[in-house]
Amino acid sequence: MRPVSVMRRAIRMAERTFVGTMMLACIAVMLTGVFLRYVMVAITDALDLNAISFFWVEETGEMLLSWLALVGAAIGIADRTHFTVAFLVHKLPLPVQRVVHIFNLSVTAIVGGVLAWQAWNLVKLNQGLDSPALGISLGWSYGAAVAGGVLIVVYAIKTINEPPSLDPTATSAIKAE
């Protein structure tokens, strides 16, 4: 096995671990929020105790979901699993399909670059501001768009070199390298 292949697999595993961890954290945070809101509030009210603050749940959930969605979108580009409408392109000659493929991924890379650039400006603008409930820099929230945008650019450019799929219903899974 080539060292590049080993490194690529390690990176892909790290991305999937990151996204899986974000997913589990989102589920845990949302379940905690539901428990605190609908169970603990009733208990603290009934026992005349101080209320438990659960305002951090919404901010934490939003931050986790933004990281999950933006890094997950980049992984979708790398795996070529994003939703596509194969209305006409798959019926065109292969060289034309290739041109459409390159055009689509070029636009995707440009959008990812603009996303990363604008998000970086927001990170710089908001890094000195703290979130109300968590008390951490708002730059971390916008950092998800920077990371996702950069990954979108990298994977769109990498995918340009792959041939377009001949089967309009096929999606590629992780390829053994």
N, C-alpha and C. Protein backbone atom coordinates (compact mmCIF):
# COMPACT_ATOMS: atom_id res chain seq x y z
N MET A 1 0.85 -1.18 0.00
CA MET A 1 0.00 0.00 0.00
C MET A 1 0.89 1.24 0.00
N ARG A 2 0.55 2.21 -0.84
CA ARG A 2 1.35 3.42 -0.96
C ARG A 2 1.14 4.32 0.25
N PRO A 3 2.20 5.09 0.64
CA PRO A 3 2.06 6.01 1.78
C PRO A 3 0.97 7.05 1.57
N VAL A 4 0.79 7.52 0.33
CA VAL A 4 -0.26 8.51 0.05
C VAL A 4 -1.63 7.90 0.33
N SER A 5 -1.81 6.65 -0.05
CA SER A 5 -3.07 5.97 0.17
C SER A 5 -3.35 5.80 1.66
N VAL A 6 -2.33 5.46 2.41
CA VAL A 6 -2.48 5.30 3.86
C VAL A 6 -2.85 6.64 4.49
N MET A 7 -2.18 7.71 4.05
CA MET A 7 -2.47 9.04 4.58
C MET A 7 -3.89 9.47 4.21
N ARG A 8 -4.29 9.21 2.99
CA ARG A 8 -5.64 9.58 2.54
C ARG A 8 -6.69 8.85 3.36
N ARG A 9 -6.48 7.58 3.60
CA ARG A 9 -7.43 6.81 4.42
C ARG A 9 -7.47 7.32 5.85
N ALA A 10 -6.32 7.70 6.39
CA ALA A 10 -6.28 8.23 7.75
C ALA A 10 -7.05 9.55 7.84
N ILE A 11 -6.88 10.38 6.82
CA ILE A 11 -7.61 11.66 6.81
C ILE A 11 -9.11 11.41 6.70
N ARG A 12 -9.50 10.52 5.82
CA ARG A 12 -10.93 10.22 5.66
C ARG A 12 -11.52 9.63 6.95
N MET A 13 -10.74 8.77 7.63
CA MET A 13 -11.21 8.20 8.89
C MET A 13 -11.36 9.29 9.94
N ALA A 14 -10.40 10.22 9.99
CA ALA A 14 -10.47 11.33 10.95
C ALA A 14 -11.70 12.19 10.68
N GLU A 15 -12.00 12.45 9.41
CA GLU A 15 -13.20 13.25 9.08
C GLU A 15 -14.46 12.54 9.51
N ARG A 16 -14.53 11.27 9.24
CA ARG A 16 -15.74 10.52 9.61
C ARG A 16 -15.88 10.42 11.13
N THR A 17 -14.77 10.26 11.80
CA THR A 17 -14.80 10.23 13.27
C THR A 17 -15.29 11.58 13.80
N PHE A 18 -14.79 12.66 13.22
CA PHE A 18 -15.20 14.00 13.63
C PHE A 18 -16.70 14.20 13.42
N VAL A 19 -17.19 13.86 12.23
CA VAL A 19 -18.61 14.04 11.93
C VAL A 19 -19.47 13.12 12.81
N GLY A 20 -19.02 11.90 13.01
CA GLY A 20 -19.76 10.99 13.90
C GLY A 20 -19.81 11.49 15.32
N THR A 21 -18.70 12.03 15.79
CA THR A 21 -18.66 12.60 17.14
C THR A 21 -19.60 13.80 17.24
N MET A 22 -19.60 14.64 16.21
CA MET A 22 -20.51 15.79 16.20
C MET A 22 -21.97 15.33 16.24
N MET A 23 -22.27 14.28 15.49
CA MET A 23 -23.64 13.75 15.46
C MET A 23 -24.05 13.23 16.83
N LEU A 24 -23.18 12.45 17.46
CA LEU A 24 -23.50 11.94 18.79
C LEU A 24 -23.61 13.06 19.81
N ALA A 25 -22.74 14.06 19.70
CA ALA A 25 -22.80 15.20 20.62
C ALA A 25 -24.10 15.98 20.42
N CYS A 26 -24.52 16.16 19.17
CA CYS A 26 -25.79 16.85 18.90
C CYS A 26 -26.95 16.11 19.55
N ILE A 27 -26.98 14.82 19.37
CA ILE A 27 -28.05 14.02 19.95
C ILE A 27 -28.04 14.14 21.47
N ALA A 28 -26.85 14.03 22.06
CA ALA A 28 -26.74 14.12 23.53
C ALA A 28 -27.18 15.48 24.04
N VAL A 29 -26.76 16.53 23.36
CA VAL A 29 -27.11 17.89 23.80
C VAL A 29 -28.62 18.11 23.68
N MET A 30 -29.20 17.70 22.57
CA MET A 30 -30.64 17.91 22.39
C MET A 30 -31.45 17.09 23.40
N LEU A 31 -31.03 15.85 23.65
CA LEU A 31 -31.73 15.05 24.66
C LEU A 31 -31.58 15.66 26.05
N THR A 32 -30.41 16.20 26.34
CA THR A 32 -30.20 16.88 27.62
C THR A 32 -31.12 18.08 27.73
N GLY A 33 -31.24 18.84 26.65
CA GLY A 33 -32.13 20.00 26.65
C GLY A 33 -33.58 19.61 26.90
N VAL A 34 -34.03 18.56 26.25
CA VAL A 34 -35.40 18.09 26.44
C VAL A 34 -35.60 17.64 27.89
N PHE A 35 -34.63 16.89 28.41
CA PHE A 35 -34.73 16.42 29.80
C PHE A 35 -34.78 17.60 30.78
N LEU A 36 -33.87 18.56 30.59
CA LEU A 36 -33.85 19.70 31.51
C LEU A 36 -35.12 20.52 31.41
N ARG A 37 -35.61 20.71 30.19
CA ARG A 37 -36.79 21.57 29.99
C ARG A 37 -38.07 20.91 30.49
N TYR A 38 -38.28 19.64 30.18
CA TYR A 38 -39.57 19.03 30.47
C TYR A 38 -39.61 18.17 31.72
N VAL A 39 -38.46 17.79 32.22
CA VAL A 39 -38.44 16.97 33.43
C VAL A 39 -37.94 17.79 34.63
N MET A 40 -36.75 18.35 34.48
CA MET A 40 -36.14 19.03 35.61
C MET A 40 -36.86 20.33 36.00
N VAL A 41 -37.40 21.04 35.03
CA VAL A 41 -38.14 22.26 35.37
C VAL A 41 -39.35 21.91 36.23
N ALA A 42 -40.06 20.85 35.87
CA ALA A 42 -41.21 20.44 36.66
C ALA A 42 -40.79 20.00 38.07
N ILE A 43 -39.67 19.31 38.16
CA ILE A 43 -39.18 18.85 39.46
C ILE A 43 -38.74 20.03 40.33
N THR A 44 -37.96 20.94 39.75
CA THR A 44 -37.50 22.09 40.55
C THR A 44 -38.66 22.98 40.95
N ASP A 45 -39.67 23.12 40.09
CA ASP A 45 -40.85 23.90 40.46
C ASP A 45 -41.63 23.22 41.58
N ALA A 46 -41.80 21.92 41.47
CA ALA A 46 -42.56 21.18 42.48
C ALA A 46 -41.87 21.20 43.84
N LEU A 47 -40.55 21.15 43.85
CA LEU A 47 -39.80 21.13 45.11
C LEU A 47 -39.36 22.53 45.55
N ASP A 48 -39.76 23.54 44.81
CA ASP A 48 -39.43 24.93 45.11
C ASP A 48 -37.91 25.13 45.23
N LEU A 49 -37.19 24.56 44.24
CA LEU A 49 -35.73 24.70 44.17
C LEU A 49 -35.36 25.74 43.11
N ASN A 50 -34.11 26.16 43.13
CA ASN A 50 -33.64 27.07 42.10
C ASN A 50 -33.70 26.38 40.74
N ALA A 51 -34.07 27.13 39.73
CA ALA A 51 -34.19 26.57 38.38
C ALA A 51 -32.80 26.20 37.83
N ILE A 52 -32.77 25.18 37.02
CA ILE A 52 -31.55 24.76 36.36
C ILE A 52 -31.46 25.48 35.03
N SER A 53 -30.35 26.13 34.79
CA SER A 53 -30.18 26.86 33.54
C SER A 53 -29.87 25.89 32.40
N PHE A 54 -30.65 25.99 31.34
CA PHE A 54 -30.40 25.14 30.18
C PHE A 54 -30.30 25.97 28.90
N PHE A 55 -29.97 27.24 29.04
CA PHE A 55 -29.87 28.11 27.87
C PHE A 55 -28.64 27.77 27.01
N TRP A 56 -27.68 27.10 27.61
CA TRP A 56 -26.49 26.70 26.86
C TRP A 56 -26.80 25.66 25.80
N VAL A 57 -27.91 24.93 25.97
CA VAL A 57 -28.24 23.83 25.07
C VAL A 57 -28.45 24.33 23.64
N GLU A 58 -29.16 25.42 23.46
CA GLU A 58 -29.44 25.93 22.12
C GLU A 58 -28.16 26.36 21.41
N GLU A 59 -27.33 27.12 22.11
CA GLU A 59 -26.06 27.57 21.50
C GLU A 59 -25.15 26.40 21.16
N THR A 60 -25.06 25.46 22.06
CA THR A 60 -24.21 24.29 21.82
C THR A 60 -24.73 23.49 20.63
N GLY A 61 -26.02 23.27 20.60
CA GLY A 61 -26.63 22.53 19.49
C GLY A 61 -26.41 23.21 18.16
N GLU A 62 -26.59 24.52 18.11
CA GLU A 62 -26.38 25.27 16.86
C GLU A 62 -24.93 25.16 16.39
N MET A 63 -24.00 25.28 17.32
CA MET A 63 -22.59 25.21 16.96
C MET A 63 -22.23 23.82 16.45
N LEU A 64 -22.68 22.80 17.14
CA LEU A 64 -22.39 21.43 16.71
C LEU A 64 -23.01 21.13 15.35
N LEU A 65 -24.24 21.59 15.14
CA LEU A 65 -24.91 21.35 13.86
C LEU A 65 -24.22 22.06 12.71
N SER A 66 -23.71 23.26 12.96
CA SER A 66 -23.02 23.96 11.88
C SER A 66 -21.74 23.23 11.50
N TRP A 67 -20.98 22.76 12.49
CA TRP A 67 -19.77 21.99 12.18
C TRP A 67 -20.13 20.69 11.46
N LEU A 68 -21.15 20.03 11.93
CA LEU A 68 -21.59 18.77 11.32
C LEU A 68 -22.01 18.99 9.87
N ALA A 69 -22.81 20.00 9.62
CA ALA A 69 -23.33 20.23 8.27
C ALA A 69 -22.24 20.64 7.29
N LEU A 70 -21.35 21.53 7.71
CA LEU A 70 -20.37 22.06 6.77
C LEU A 70 -19.24 21.07 6.49
N VAL A 71 -18.77 20.37 7.50
CA VAL A 71 -17.75 19.34 7.25
C VAL A 71 -18.41 18.16 6.53
N GLY A 72 -19.63 17.84 6.90
CA GLY A 72 -20.36 16.76 6.22
C GLY A 72 -20.61 17.06 4.75
N ALA A 73 -20.88 18.31 4.42
CA ALA A 73 -21.08 18.69 3.02
C ALA A 73 -19.81 18.45 2.21
N ALA A 74 -18.68 18.78 2.78
CA ALA A 74 -17.40 18.55 2.09
C ALA A 74 -17.16 17.06 1.88
N ILE A 75 -17.47 16.26 2.88
CA ILE A 75 -17.32 14.81 2.74
C ILE A 75 -18.25 14.28 1.66
N GLY A 76 -19.45 14.85 1.57
CA GLY A 76 -20.38 14.46 0.50
C GLY A 76 -19.82 14.74 -0.88
N ILE A 77 -19.10 15.85 -1.01
CA ILE A 77 -18.46 16.16 -2.29
C ILE A 77 -17.36 15.16 -2.58
N ALA A 78 -16.56 14.85 -1.58
CA ALA A 78 -15.47 13.89 -1.76
C ALA A 78 -15.99 12.51 -2.16
N ASP A 79 -17.10 12.11 -1.57
CA ASP A 79 -17.68 10.79 -1.86
C ASP A 79 -18.61 10.80 -3.07
N ARG A 80 -18.87 11.99 -3.59
CA ARG A 80 -19.81 12.16 -4.70
C ARG A 80 -21.19 11.62 -4.35
N THR A 81 -21.63 11.91 -3.15
CA THR A 81 -22.93 11.42 -2.69
C THR A 81 -23.97 12.53 -2.56
N HIS A 82 -23.65 13.74 -3.00
CA HIS A 82 -24.65 14.79 -2.97
C HIS A 82 -25.75 14.50 -3.98
N PHE A 83 -26.91 15.00 -3.69
CA PHE A 83 -28.07 14.83 -4.55
C PHE A 83 -27.81 15.51 -5.90
N THR A 84 -28.06 14.79 -6.96
CA THR A 84 -27.94 15.37 -8.29
C THR A 84 -29.17 14.98 -9.10
N VAL A 85 -29.51 15.83 -10.03
CA VAL A 85 -30.60 15.54 -10.94
C VAL A 85 -29.98 15.17 -12.28
N ALA A 86 -30.08 13.92 -12.64
CA ALA A 86 -29.51 13.43 -13.90
C ALA A 86 -30.60 13.43 -14.95
N PHE A 87 -30.98 14.62 -15.37
CA PHE A 87 -32.07 14.76 -16.32
C PHE A 87 -31.61 14.57 -17.75
N LEU A 88 -30.47 15.15 -18.07
CA LEU A 88 -30.02 15.15 -19.45
C LEU A 88 -28.54 14.79 -19.59
N VAL A 89 -27.76 15.13 -18.60
CA VAL A 89 -26.30 15.01 -18.72
C VAL A 89 -25.86 13.59 -19.02
N HIS A 90 -26.45 12.61 -18.39
CA HIS A 90 -26.01 11.22 -18.60
C HIS A 90 -26.30 10.72 -20.02
N LYS A 91 -27.12 11.44 -20.76
CA LYS A 91 -27.43 11.05 -22.14
C LYS A 91 -26.48 11.72 -23.15
N LEU A 92 -25.68 12.66 -22.69
CA LEU A 92 -24.74 13.36 -23.56
C LEU A 92 -23.51 12.51 -23.81
N PRO A 93 -22.76 12.82 -24.87
CA PRO A 93 -21.51 12.10 -25.10
C PRO A 93 -20.54 12.29 -23.93
N LEU A 94 -19.68 11.33 -23.72
CA LEU A 94 -18.77 11.36 -22.59
C LEU A 94 -17.91 12.63 -22.52
N PRO A 95 -17.38 13.13 -23.61
CA PRO A 95 -16.59 14.37 -23.51
C PRO A 95 -17.43 15.56 -23.01
N VAL A 96 -18.69 15.62 -23.40
CA VAL A 96 -19.56 16.70 -22.94
C VAL A 96 -19.90 16.50 -21.46
N GLN A 97 -20.12 15.26 -21.07
CA GLN A 97 -20.35 14.97 -19.65
C GLN A 97 -19.16 15.44 -18.83
N ARG A 98 -17.97 15.21 -19.35
CA ARG A 98 -16.74 15.63 -18.65
C ARG A 98 -16.70 17.15 -18.49
N VAL A 99 -17.09 17.88 -19.53
CA VAL A 99 -17.10 19.35 -19.47
C VAL A 99 -18.11 19.81 -18.41
N VAL A 100 -19.29 19.22 -18.40
CA VAL A 100 -20.31 19.58 -17.40
C VAL A 100 -19.81 19.24 -16.00
N HIS A 101 -19.18 18.10 -15.87
CA HIS A 101 -18.62 17.66 -14.59
C HIS A 101 -17.59 18.67 -14.08
N ILE A 102 -16.68 19.09 -14.95
CA ILE A 102 -15.64 20.05 -14.57
C ILE A 102 -16.28 21.40 -14.23
N PHE A 103 -17.26 21.82 -15.03
CA PHE A 103 -17.93 23.09 -14.76
C PHE A 103 -18.62 23.07 -13.39
N ASN A 104 -19.38 22.01 -13.11
CA ASN A 104 -20.10 21.91 -11.84
C ASN A 104 -19.15 21.95 -10.65
N LEU A 105 -18.08 21.19 -10.73
CA LEU A 105 -17.14 21.14 -9.62
C LEU A 105 -16.33 22.43 -9.51
N SER A 106 -16.11 23.12 -10.62
CA SER A 106 -15.44 24.42 -10.56
C SER A 106 -16.31 25.44 -9.84
N VAL A 107 -17.59 25.44 -10.16
CA VAL A 107 -18.53 26.34 -9.47
C VAL A 107 -18.60 25.98 -7.98
N THR A 108 -18.62 24.70 -7.69
CA THR A 108 -18.63 24.26 -6.29
C THR A 108 -17.39 24.74 -5.56
N ALA A 109 -16.23 24.63 -6.19
CA ALA A 109 -14.98 25.09 -5.57
C ALA A 109 -15.00 26.59 -5.35
N ILE A 110 -15.52 27.34 -6.32
CA ILE A 110 -15.61 28.80 -6.18
C ILE A 110 -16.53 29.17 -5.02
N VAL A 111 -17.68 28.52 -4.94
CA VAL A 111 -18.61 28.79 -3.84
C VAL A 111 -17.97 28.44 -2.50
N GLY A 112 -17.28 27.30 -2.43
CA GLY A 112 -16.57 26.93 -1.20
C GLY A 112 -15.51 27.95 -0.82
N GLY A 113 -14.80 28.47 -1.82
CA GLY A 113 -13.78 29.49 -1.56
C GLY A 113 -14.38 30.78 -1.04
N VAL A 114 -15.48 31.21 -1.65
CA VAL A 114 -16.16 32.43 -1.18
C VAL A 114 -16.69 32.21 0.23
N LEU A 115 -17.25 31.04 0.48
CA LEU A 115 -17.74 30.71 1.82
C LEU A 115 -16.62 30.80 2.85
N ALA A 116 -15.49 30.17 2.55
CA ALA A 116 -14.37 30.18 3.49
C ALA A 116 -13.84 31.59 3.70
N TRP A 117 -13.72 32.36 2.63
CA TRP A 117 -13.19 33.72 2.72
C TRP A 117 -14.11 34.62 3.54
N GLN A 118 -15.42 34.58 3.26
CA GLN A 118 -16.36 35.41 4.01
C GLN A 118 -16.45 34.96 5.47
N ALA A 119 -16.41 33.67 5.68
CA ALA A 119 -16.46 33.15 7.06
C ALA A 119 -15.21 33.58 7.83
N TRP A 120 -14.06 33.57 7.15
CA TRP A 120 -12.83 34.01 7.81
C TRP A 120 -12.96 35.48 8.23
N ASN A 121 -13.56 36.30 7.38
CA ASN A 121 -13.80 37.70 7.76
C ASN A 121 -14.71 37.79 8.97
N LEU A 122 -15.72 36.93 9.04
CA LEU A 122 -16.61 36.92 10.20
C LEU A 122 -15.90 36.42 11.45
N VAL A 123 -15.01 35.45 11.29
CA VAL A 123 -14.23 34.97 12.44
C VAL A 123 -13.41 36.12 13.02
N LYS A 124 -12.70 36.84 12.14
CA LYS A 124 -11.87 37.96 12.60
C LYS A 124 -12.72 39.05 13.25
N LEU A 125 -13.88 39.32 12.66
CA LEU A 125 -14.76 40.36 13.17
C LEU A 125 -15.35 40.00 14.55
N ASN A 126 -15.66 38.73 14.75
CA ASN A 126 -16.38 38.31 15.96
C ASN A 126 -15.53 37.57 16.98
N GLN A 127 -14.23 37.43 16.75
CA GLN A 127 -13.42 36.65 17.67
C GLN A 127 -13.35 37.26 19.07
N GLY A 128 -13.56 38.54 19.18
CA GLY A 128 -13.52 39.19 20.49
C GLY A 128 -14.85 39.16 21.22
N LEU A 129 -15.90 38.69 20.55
CA LEU A 129 -17.22 38.62 21.17
C LEU A 129 -17.46 37.23 21.72
N ASP A 130 -18.08 37.18 22.87
CA ASP A 130 -18.40 35.88 23.48
C ASP A 130 -19.87 35.57 23.32
N SER A 131 -20.17 34.29 23.19
CA SER A 131 -21.58 33.87 23.11
C SER A 131 -22.22 34.08 24.47
N PRO A 132 -23.49 34.45 24.50
CA PRO A 132 -24.14 34.77 25.77
C PRO A 132 -24.19 33.61 26.77
N ALA A 133 -24.53 32.42 26.31
CA ALA A 133 -24.73 31.30 27.23
C ALA A 133 -23.44 30.53 27.51
N LEU A 134 -22.63 30.32 26.49
CA LEU A 134 -21.43 29.50 26.67
C LEU A 134 -20.22 30.31 27.11
N GLY A 135 -20.19 31.58 26.73
CA GLY A 135 -19.06 32.43 27.09
C GLY A 135 -17.80 32.14 26.30
N ILE A 136 -17.94 31.50 25.13
CA ILE A 136 -16.77 31.26 24.28
C ILE A 136 -16.84 32.17 23.07
N SER A 137 -15.72 32.33 22.40
CA SER A 137 -15.64 33.23 21.25
C SER A 137 -16.61 32.81 20.16
N LEU A 138 -17.30 33.79 19.59
CA LEU A 138 -18.20 33.52 18.46
C LEU A 138 -17.42 33.10 17.22
N GLY A 139 -16.12 33.31 17.23
CA GLY A 139 -15.30 32.87 16.12
C GLY A 139 -15.38 31.37 15.90
N TRP A 140 -15.60 30.61 16.96
CA TRP A 140 -15.72 29.15 16.83
C TRP A 140 -16.94 28.77 16.00
N SER A 141 -18.01 29.51 16.12
CA SER A 141 -19.20 29.23 15.31
C SER A 141 -18.92 29.45 13.84
N TYR A 142 -18.29 30.57 13.52
CA TYR A 142 -17.99 30.89 12.13
C TYR A 142 -16.82 30.06 11.60
N GLY A 143 -16.02 29.51 12.49
CA GLY A 143 -14.92 28.65 12.08
C GLY A 143 -15.40 27.41 11.34
N ALA A 144 -16.63 26.98 11.62
CA ALA A 144 -17.19 25.83 10.91
C ALA A 144 -17.29 26.12 9.42
N ALA A 145 -17.69 27.33 9.07
CA ALA A 145 -17.81 27.69 7.65
C ALA A 145 -16.44 27.82 7.00
N VAL A 146 -15.44 28.27 7.76
CA VAL A 146 -14.08 28.33 7.21
C VAL A 146 -13.60 26.91 6.90
N ALA A 147 -13.71 26.02 7.87
CA ALA A 147 -13.26 24.64 7.68
C ALA A 147 -14.03 23.96 6.57
N GLY A 148 -15.36 24.10 6.59
CA GLY A 148 -16.18 23.48 5.55
C GLY A 148 -15.86 24.04 4.17
N GLY A 149 -15.70 25.35 4.07
CA GLY A 149 -15.39 25.98 2.79
C GLY A 149 -14.06 25.52 2.22
N VAL A 150 -13.05 25.46 3.08
CA VAL A 150 -11.73 24.99 2.63
C VAL A 150 -11.81 23.54 2.17
N LEU A 151 -12.48 22.70 2.94
CA LEU A 151 -12.62 21.29 2.55
C LEU A 151 -13.42 21.14 1.26
N ILE A 152 -14.44 21.96 1.08
CA ILE A 152 -15.22 21.93 -0.16
C ILE A 152 -14.33 22.25 -1.35
N VAL A 153 -13.49 23.27 -1.22
CA VAL A 153 -12.57 23.63 -2.30
C VAL A 153 -11.63 22.46 -2.60
N VAL A 154 -11.02 21.92 -1.56
CA VAL A 154 -10.05 20.83 -1.75
C VAL A 154 -10.70 19.63 -2.42
N TYR A 155 -11.87 19.22 -1.93
CA TYR A 155 -12.51 18.03 -2.47
C TYR A 155 -13.11 18.27 -3.85
N ALA A 156 -13.60 19.46 -4.11
CA ALA A 156 -14.12 19.74 -5.45
C ALA A 156 -12.99 19.69 -6.47
N ILE A 157 -11.85 20.28 -6.13
CA ILE A 157 -10.71 20.25 -7.05
C ILE A 157 -10.21 18.82 -7.24
N LYS A 158 -10.15 18.05 -6.14
CA LYS A 158 -9.71 16.66 -6.24
C LYS A 158 -10.67 15.85 -7.10
N THR A 159 -11.96 16.09 -6.96
CA THR A 159 -12.97 15.31 -7.67
C THR A 159 -13.02 15.67 -9.15
N ILE A 160 -12.55 16.86 -9.52
CA ILE A 160 -12.52 17.25 -10.93
C ILE A 160 -11.73 16.23 -11.74
N ASN A 161 -10.69 15.66 -11.16
CA ASN A 161 -9.84 14.71 -11.87
C ASN A 161 -10.46 13.33 -12.02
N GLU A 162 -11.56 13.08 -11.33
CA GLU A 162 -12.23 11.79 -11.45
C GLU A 162 -13.23 11.85 -12.59
N PRO A 163 -13.42 10.74 -13.29
CA PRO A 163 -14.38 10.76 -14.40
C PRO A 163 -15.81 10.89 -13.88
N PRO A 164 -16.68 11.51 -14.67
CA PRO A 164 -18.09 11.58 -14.25
C PRO A 164 -18.71 10.19 -14.25
N SER A 165 -19.68 10.00 -13.41
CA SER A 165 -20.35 8.70 -13.32
C SER A 165 -21.19 8.46 -14.57
N LEU A 166 -21.11 7.27 -15.13
CA LEU A 166 -21.92 6.92 -16.29
C LEU A 166 -23.34 6.56 -15.90
N ASP A 167 -23.50 6.04 -14.69
CA ASP A 167 -24.81 5.65 -14.20
C ASP A 167 -25.40 6.82 -13.42
N PRO A 168 -26.53 7.41 -13.86
CA PRO A 168 -27.07 8.58 -13.18
C PRO A 168 -27.59 8.28 -11.78
N THR A 169 -27.81 7.03 -11.45
CA THR A 169 -28.32 6.70 -10.11
C THR A 169 -27.22 6.24 -9.17
N ALA A 170 -26.01 6.11 -9.69
CA ALA A 170 -24.92 5.56 -8.88
C ALA A 170 -24.29 6.65 -8.03
N THR A 171 -23.95 6.29 -6.82
CA THR A 171 -23.14 7.15 -5.96
C THR A 171 -21.94 6.33 -5.55
N SER A 172 -20.83 6.99 -5.45
CA SER A 172 -19.62 6.26 -5.11
C SER A 172 -19.43 6.21 -3.61
N ALA A 173 -19.07 5.08 -3.13
CA ALA A 173 -18.72 4.94 -1.72
C ALA A 173 -17.22 5.16 -1.59
N ILE A 174 -16.70 4.93 -0.43
CA ILE A 174 -15.26 5.07 -0.24
C ILE A 174 -14.58 4.03 -1.11
N LYS A 175 -13.70 4.50 -1.93
CA LYS A 175 -13.02 3.58 -2.85
C LYS A 175 -11.78 3.02 -2.17
N ALA A 176 -11.57 1.72 -2.35
CA ALA A 176 -10.35 1.10 -1.82
C ALA A 176 -9.19 1.57 -2.69
N GLU A 177 -8.18 2.06 -2.04
CA GLU A 177 -7.04 2.57 -2.81
C GLU A 177 -5.83 1.71 -2.59
